[in-house]
N, C-alpha and C. Protein backbone atom coordinates (compact mmCIF):
# COMPACT_ATOMS: atom_id res chain seq x y z
N LEU A 1 0.87 -1.17 -0.03
CA LEU A 1 -0.04 0.07 -0.02
C LEU A 1 0.88 1.23 -0.03
N ALA A 2 0.61 2.17 -0.86
CA ALA A 2 1.38 3.46 -0.99
C ALA A 2 0.44 4.59 -0.94
N THR A 3 0.99 5.71 -0.35
CA THR A 3 0.25 7.02 -0.26
C THR A 3 0.92 7.88 -1.23
N LEU A 4 0.13 8.60 -2.00
CA LEU A 4 0.57 9.64 -2.96
C LEU A 4 -0.02 10.94 -2.72
N THR A 5 0.73 11.96 -2.45
CA THR A 5 0.13 13.25 -2.24
C THR A 5 0.53 14.16 -3.42
N VAL A 6 -0.49 14.76 -3.98
CA VAL A 6 -0.26 15.58 -5.22
C VAL A 6 -0.95 16.94 -5.07
N SER A 7 -0.38 17.97 -5.77
CA SER A 7 -0.92 19.27 -5.71
C SER A 7 -1.60 19.71 -6.97
N ARG A 8 -1.56 18.75 -7.95
CA ARG A 8 -2.21 18.97 -9.29
C ARG A 8 -2.64 17.70 -9.71
N SER A 9 -3.46 17.61 -10.79
CA SER A 9 -4.01 16.42 -11.31
C SER A 9 -3.00 15.61 -12.21
N TYR A 10 -3.02 14.34 -12.17
CA TYR A 10 -2.17 13.45 -12.92
C TYR A 10 -2.85 12.26 -13.43
N ASP A 11 -2.32 11.64 -14.45
CA ASP A 11 -2.67 10.27 -14.80
C ASP A 11 -1.51 9.40 -14.33
N ILE A 12 -1.81 8.40 -13.54
CA ILE A 12 -0.82 7.52 -13.05
C ILE A 12 -0.97 6.14 -13.55
N VAL A 13 0.06 5.31 -13.49
CA VAL A 13 0.01 3.94 -13.76
C VAL A 13 0.82 3.19 -12.70
N ALA A 14 0.38 1.97 -12.44
CA ALA A 14 1.16 1.12 -11.50
C ALA A 14 1.97 0.15 -12.37
N VAL A 15 3.31 -0.02 -11.98
CA VAL A 15 4.18 -0.82 -12.75
C VAL A 15 4.76 -1.90 -11.88
N PHE A 16 4.72 -3.15 -12.36
CA PHE A 16 5.43 -4.25 -11.68
C PHE A 16 6.52 -4.72 -12.62
N LEU A 17 7.76 -4.64 -12.12
CA LEU A 17 8.90 -4.88 -12.98
C LEU A 17 9.08 -6.39 -13.33
N GLY A 18 8.33 -7.21 -12.64
CA GLY A 18 8.48 -8.68 -12.87
C GLY A 18 9.55 -9.38 -11.94
N ASP A 19 9.40 -10.65 -11.88
CA ASP A 19 10.40 -11.48 -11.07
C ASP A 19 10.50 -12.82 -11.74
N GLU A 20 11.12 -13.73 -10.98
CA GLU A 20 11.32 -15.10 -11.56
C GLU A 20 10.03 -15.81 -11.94
N THR A 21 8.95 -15.44 -11.18
CA THR A 21 7.64 -16.08 -11.35
C THR A 21 6.68 -15.40 -12.33
N TYR A 22 6.64 -14.09 -12.27
CA TYR A 22 5.75 -13.25 -13.02
C TYR A 22 6.41 -12.31 -13.98
N ASP A 23 5.80 -12.20 -15.11
CA ASP A 23 6.20 -11.16 -16.16
C ASP A 23 5.98 -9.78 -15.69
N ALA A 24 6.68 -8.85 -16.17
CA ALA A 24 6.44 -7.46 -15.93
C ALA A 24 5.10 -7.11 -16.44
N SER A 25 4.45 -6.07 -15.77
CA SER A 25 3.04 -5.64 -16.19
C SER A 25 2.93 -4.21 -15.78
N MET A 26 1.91 -3.55 -16.43
CA MET A 26 1.57 -2.14 -16.11
C MET A 26 0.09 -1.97 -16.21
N SER A 27 -0.51 -1.24 -15.29
CA SER A 27 -1.93 -0.99 -15.23
C SER A 27 -2.27 0.06 -16.35
N ALA A 28 -3.59 0.15 -16.57
CA ALA A 28 -4.10 1.19 -17.44
C ALA A 28 -3.96 2.50 -16.66
N PRO A 29 -3.83 3.62 -17.41
CA PRO A 29 -3.69 4.87 -16.72
C PRO A 29 -5.02 5.23 -15.96
N THR A 30 -4.79 5.78 -14.75
CA THR A 30 -5.97 6.19 -13.86
C THR A 30 -5.80 7.73 -13.56
N ALA A 31 -6.88 8.42 -13.81
CA ALA A 31 -6.81 9.89 -13.46
C ALA A 31 -6.90 10.18 -11.97
N ILE A 32 -5.97 10.95 -11.44
CA ILE A 32 -6.00 11.37 -10.10
C ILE A 32 -6.39 12.86 -10.10
N LYS A 33 -7.57 13.14 -9.65
CA LYS A 33 -8.05 14.58 -9.67
C LYS A 33 -7.88 15.19 -8.33
N VAL A 34 -7.47 16.49 -8.30
CA VAL A 34 -7.32 17.26 -7.08
C VAL A 34 -8.53 18.15 -6.90
N LYS A 35 -8.79 18.51 -5.66
CA LYS A 35 -9.81 19.47 -5.37
C LYS A 35 -9.27 20.77 -5.12
N ALA A 36 -9.77 21.81 -5.89
CA ALA A 36 -9.26 23.12 -5.76
C ALA A 36 -9.35 23.66 -4.35
N LYS A 37 -8.41 24.48 -3.91
CA LYS A 37 -8.52 25.06 -2.59
C LYS A 37 -8.76 26.56 -2.75
N ILE A 38 -9.83 27.06 -2.05
CA ILE A 38 -10.19 28.47 -2.24
C ILE A 38 -10.07 29.20 -0.87
N SER A 39 -9.34 30.25 -0.85
CA SER A 39 -9.31 31.22 0.27
C SER A 39 -10.17 32.39 -0.18
N ILE A 40 -10.86 32.92 0.75
CA ILE A 40 -11.81 34.07 0.46
C ILE A 40 -11.81 34.99 1.72
N LYS A 41 -11.79 36.35 1.49
CA LYS A 41 -11.88 37.31 2.49
C LYS A 41 -12.79 38.41 2.05
N GLY A 42 -13.64 38.89 2.92
CA GLY A 42 -14.63 39.88 2.57
C GLY A 42 -14.31 41.18 3.36
N GLY A 43 -14.68 42.31 2.81
CA GLY A 43 -14.53 43.56 3.48
C GLY A 43 -15.57 44.54 2.98
N LYS A 44 -15.29 45.84 3.21
CA LYS A 44 -16.23 46.85 2.77
C LYS A 44 -16.20 46.97 1.27
N GLY A 45 -17.21 46.54 0.54
CA GLY A 45 -17.35 46.60 -0.86
C GLY A 45 -16.45 45.77 -1.70
N LYS A 46 -15.68 44.89 -1.07
CA LYS A 46 -14.82 44.05 -1.98
C LYS A 46 -14.55 42.74 -1.35
N MET A 47 -14.08 41.76 -2.13
CA MET A 47 -13.65 40.47 -1.76
C MET A 47 -12.32 40.19 -2.39
N THR A 48 -11.44 39.35 -1.69
CA THR A 48 -10.15 38.93 -2.29
C THR A 48 -10.01 37.53 -1.90
N GLY A 49 -9.09 36.81 -2.66
CA GLY A 49 -8.89 35.47 -2.32
C GLY A 49 -7.82 34.89 -3.25
N LYS A 50 -7.74 33.53 -3.15
CA LYS A 50 -6.73 32.81 -3.89
C LYS A 50 -7.32 31.40 -4.18
N VAL A 51 -7.02 30.93 -5.43
CA VAL A 51 -7.46 29.60 -5.84
C VAL A 51 -6.23 28.80 -6.26
N THR A 52 -6.02 27.58 -5.73
CA THR A 52 -4.90 26.69 -6.14
C THR A 52 -5.50 25.35 -6.42
N PRO A 53 -5.06 24.67 -7.44
CA PRO A 53 -4.17 25.12 -8.47
C PRO A 53 -4.84 26.23 -9.31
N ALA A 54 -4.02 27.03 -9.95
CA ALA A 54 -4.64 28.24 -10.66
C ALA A 54 -4.45 28.31 -12.11
N ILE A 55 -3.88 27.26 -12.75
CA ILE A 55 -3.53 27.42 -14.17
C ILE A 55 -4.80 27.45 -15.07
N GLY A 56 -5.22 28.63 -15.40
CA GLY A 56 -6.36 28.81 -16.25
C GLY A 56 -7.68 28.35 -15.57
N GLN A 57 -7.73 28.36 -14.29
CA GLN A 57 -8.87 27.82 -13.57
C GLN A 57 -10.05 28.79 -13.68
N LYS A 58 -11.26 28.21 -14.01
CA LYS A 58 -12.45 29.07 -14.06
C LYS A 58 -13.02 29.20 -12.64
N ILE A 59 -13.50 30.43 -12.36
CA ILE A 59 -14.15 30.69 -11.09
C ILE A 59 -15.48 31.40 -11.39
N LYS A 60 -16.40 31.35 -10.45
CA LYS A 60 -17.68 32.06 -10.48
C LYS A 60 -17.86 32.72 -9.09
N VAL A 61 -18.12 34.06 -9.13
CA VAL A 61 -18.49 34.72 -7.96
C VAL A 61 -19.96 34.68 -7.84
N GLN A 62 -20.55 34.23 -6.68
CA GLN A 62 -22.01 34.17 -6.56
C GLN A 62 -22.44 34.96 -5.38
N ARG A 63 -23.68 35.55 -5.47
CA ARG A 63 -24.31 36.31 -4.44
C ARG A 63 -25.60 35.65 -4.04
N ARG A 64 -25.85 35.50 -2.82
CA ARG A 64 -27.12 34.95 -2.25
C ARG A 64 -28.29 35.99 -2.44
N SER A 65 -29.29 35.68 -3.18
CA SER A 65 -30.43 36.51 -3.43
C SER A 65 -31.69 35.82 -3.31
N LYS A 66 -32.58 36.21 -2.38
CA LYS A 66 -33.89 35.59 -2.23
C LYS A 66 -33.81 34.09 -2.07
N GLY A 67 -32.83 33.61 -1.30
CA GLY A 67 -32.64 32.18 -0.91
C GLY A 67 -31.92 31.30 -1.95
N THR A 68 -31.47 31.93 -3.12
CA THR A 68 -30.76 31.15 -4.12
C THR A 68 -29.41 31.84 -4.38
N TRP A 69 -28.52 31.09 -4.93
CA TRP A 69 -27.20 31.64 -5.38
C TRP A 69 -27.22 32.04 -6.87
N LYS A 70 -26.89 33.28 -7.10
CA LYS A 70 -26.81 33.85 -8.49
C LYS A 70 -25.33 34.12 -8.80
N THR A 71 -24.94 33.57 -9.96
CA THR A 71 -23.61 33.89 -10.51
C THR A 71 -23.59 35.32 -11.01
N ILE A 72 -22.73 36.15 -10.45
CA ILE A 72 -22.69 37.62 -10.97
C ILE A 72 -21.45 37.91 -11.73
N VAL A 73 -20.39 37.06 -11.58
CA VAL A 73 -19.19 37.27 -12.31
C VAL A 73 -18.50 35.93 -12.64
N ARG A 74 -17.95 35.83 -13.76
CA ARG A 74 -17.18 34.59 -14.15
C ARG A 74 -15.80 35.09 -14.51
N GLY A 75 -14.77 34.29 -14.19
CA GLY A 75 -13.44 34.66 -14.55
C GLY A 75 -12.46 33.51 -14.63
N LEU A 76 -11.24 33.82 -15.04
CA LEU A 76 -10.25 32.78 -15.02
C LEU A 76 -9.11 33.27 -14.13
N VAL A 77 -8.43 32.34 -13.48
CA VAL A 77 -7.37 32.62 -12.47
C VAL A 77 -6.08 31.99 -13.06
N TYR A 78 -5.04 32.78 -13.08
CA TYR A 78 -3.72 32.27 -13.63
C TYR A 78 -2.67 32.57 -12.60
N GLY A 79 -1.45 32.16 -12.85
CA GLY A 79 -0.25 32.53 -12.05
C GLY A 79 -0.34 32.18 -10.63
N SER A 80 -0.40 33.32 -9.81
CA SER A 80 -0.44 33.19 -8.37
C SER A 80 -1.72 32.70 -7.86
N GLY A 81 -2.86 32.72 -8.68
CA GLY A 81 -4.19 32.30 -8.21
C GLY A 81 -4.90 33.32 -7.47
N LYS A 82 -4.37 34.50 -7.28
CA LYS A 82 -5.03 35.57 -6.51
C LYS A 82 -6.13 36.22 -7.41
N TRP A 83 -7.18 36.63 -6.78
CA TRP A 83 -8.38 37.20 -7.44
C TRP A 83 -8.92 38.30 -6.55
N SER A 84 -9.64 39.24 -7.15
CA SER A 84 -10.41 40.24 -6.33
C SER A 84 -11.67 40.64 -7.03
N PHE A 85 -12.60 41.08 -6.22
CA PHE A 85 -13.88 41.54 -6.78
C PHE A 85 -14.21 42.75 -6.02
N VAL A 86 -14.27 43.93 -6.75
CA VAL A 86 -14.42 45.22 -6.07
C VAL A 86 -15.82 45.79 -6.49
N ARG A 87 -16.31 46.74 -5.72
CA ARG A 87 -17.59 47.38 -5.91
C ARG A 87 -18.75 46.40 -5.71
N ALA A 88 -18.52 45.44 -4.85
CA ALA A 88 -19.61 44.51 -4.45
C ALA A 88 -20.66 45.13 -3.59
N ARG A 89 -21.94 44.91 -3.92
CA ARG A 89 -23.02 45.35 -3.09
C ARG A 89 -23.03 44.58 -1.84
N PRO A 90 -23.57 45.19 -0.83
CA PRO A 90 -23.70 44.43 0.49
C PRO A 90 -24.47 43.05 0.35
N GLY A 91 -23.97 42.09 0.99
CA GLY A 91 -24.71 40.83 0.88
C GLY A 91 -23.77 39.64 1.18
N THR A 92 -24.23 38.47 0.99
CA THR A 92 -23.48 37.25 1.21
C THR A 92 -22.96 36.65 -0.07
N TYR A 93 -21.74 36.38 -0.14
CA TYR A 93 -21.06 35.86 -1.34
C TYR A 93 -20.30 34.61 -1.18
N ARG A 94 -20.02 33.92 -2.25
CA ARG A 94 -19.08 32.75 -2.26
C ARG A 94 -18.39 32.66 -3.65
N VAL A 95 -17.42 31.80 -3.70
CA VAL A 95 -16.74 31.57 -4.99
C VAL A 95 -16.87 30.07 -5.26
N VAL A 96 -17.20 29.79 -6.53
CA VAL A 96 -17.33 28.38 -6.93
C VAL A 96 -16.26 28.07 -7.96
N VAL A 97 -15.49 26.90 -7.80
CA VAL A 97 -14.64 26.44 -8.83
C VAL A 97 -15.36 25.22 -9.42
N PRO A 98 -15.78 25.25 -10.69
CA PRO A 98 -16.52 24.22 -11.29
C PRO A 98 -15.55 22.96 -11.52
N ALA A 99 -16.14 21.85 -11.51
CA ALA A 99 -15.39 20.60 -11.79
C ALA A 99 -14.94 20.71 -13.29
N GLY A 100 -13.80 20.16 -13.48
CA GLY A 100 -13.29 20.13 -14.84
C GLY A 100 -12.73 18.71 -15.26
N LYS A 101 -12.04 18.61 -16.35
CA LYS A 101 -11.49 17.39 -16.77
C LYS A 101 -10.62 16.74 -15.76
N ASN A 102 -9.80 17.52 -15.14
CA ASN A 102 -8.80 16.99 -14.14
C ASN A 102 -8.95 17.61 -12.83
N LEU A 103 -10.05 18.17 -12.47
CA LEU A 103 -10.23 18.88 -11.21
C LEU A 103 -11.60 18.63 -10.65
N LEU A 104 -11.67 18.33 -9.34
CA LEU A 104 -12.90 18.21 -8.64
C LEU A 104 -13.46 19.66 -8.30
N GLY A 105 -14.68 19.91 -8.50
CA GLY A 105 -15.23 21.25 -8.11
C GLY A 105 -15.29 21.46 -6.66
N THR A 106 -15.39 22.70 -6.23
CA THR A 106 -15.43 23.02 -4.86
C THR A 106 -16.13 24.42 -4.71
N THR A 107 -16.56 24.68 -3.55
CA THR A 107 -17.23 25.97 -3.21
C THR A 107 -16.58 26.53 -1.95
N SER A 108 -16.37 27.85 -1.96
CA SER A 108 -15.68 28.45 -0.77
C SER A 108 -16.69 28.60 0.38
N LYS A 109 -16.21 29.04 1.53
CA LYS A 109 -17.01 29.43 2.55
C LYS A 109 -17.78 30.73 2.18
N THR A 110 -18.79 31.14 2.84
CA THR A 110 -19.40 32.39 2.55
C THR A 110 -18.78 33.57 3.26
N VAL A 111 -18.93 34.71 2.70
CA VAL A 111 -18.41 35.91 3.33
C VAL A 111 -19.48 37.04 3.15
N LYS A 112 -19.53 37.93 4.13
CA LYS A 112 -20.52 38.98 4.14
C LYS A 112 -19.74 40.30 3.67
N ILE A 113 -20.35 41.00 2.73
CA ILE A 113 -19.80 42.21 2.27
C ILE A 113 -20.71 43.36 2.87
N THR A 114 -20.01 44.40 3.43
CA THR A 114 -20.82 45.49 4.00
C THR A 114 -20.67 46.70 3.12
């Protein structure tokens, strides 16, 4: 049994090199997906945060309105993964990273903007 810790998505294979009794063999590739990590901070009229991994990662900023979440801004995060949203109306917000080919989707905690 082996433990593998990764910070981005990979396709992995298991390899047996063989021995006197068994021939060498290799498994089919298996996708290992990571879950995005979202940090979020709210303040007066703005939010800031960071998404990792951030390579071209889609994000959605959502505002709670009448009991449901409404997407108000969509964007892409690159490089450092840092993002900001300014001129936000007072309310409760969150950031969603949708699931992708090699990434599990996730939703941030909520923040209140005053």
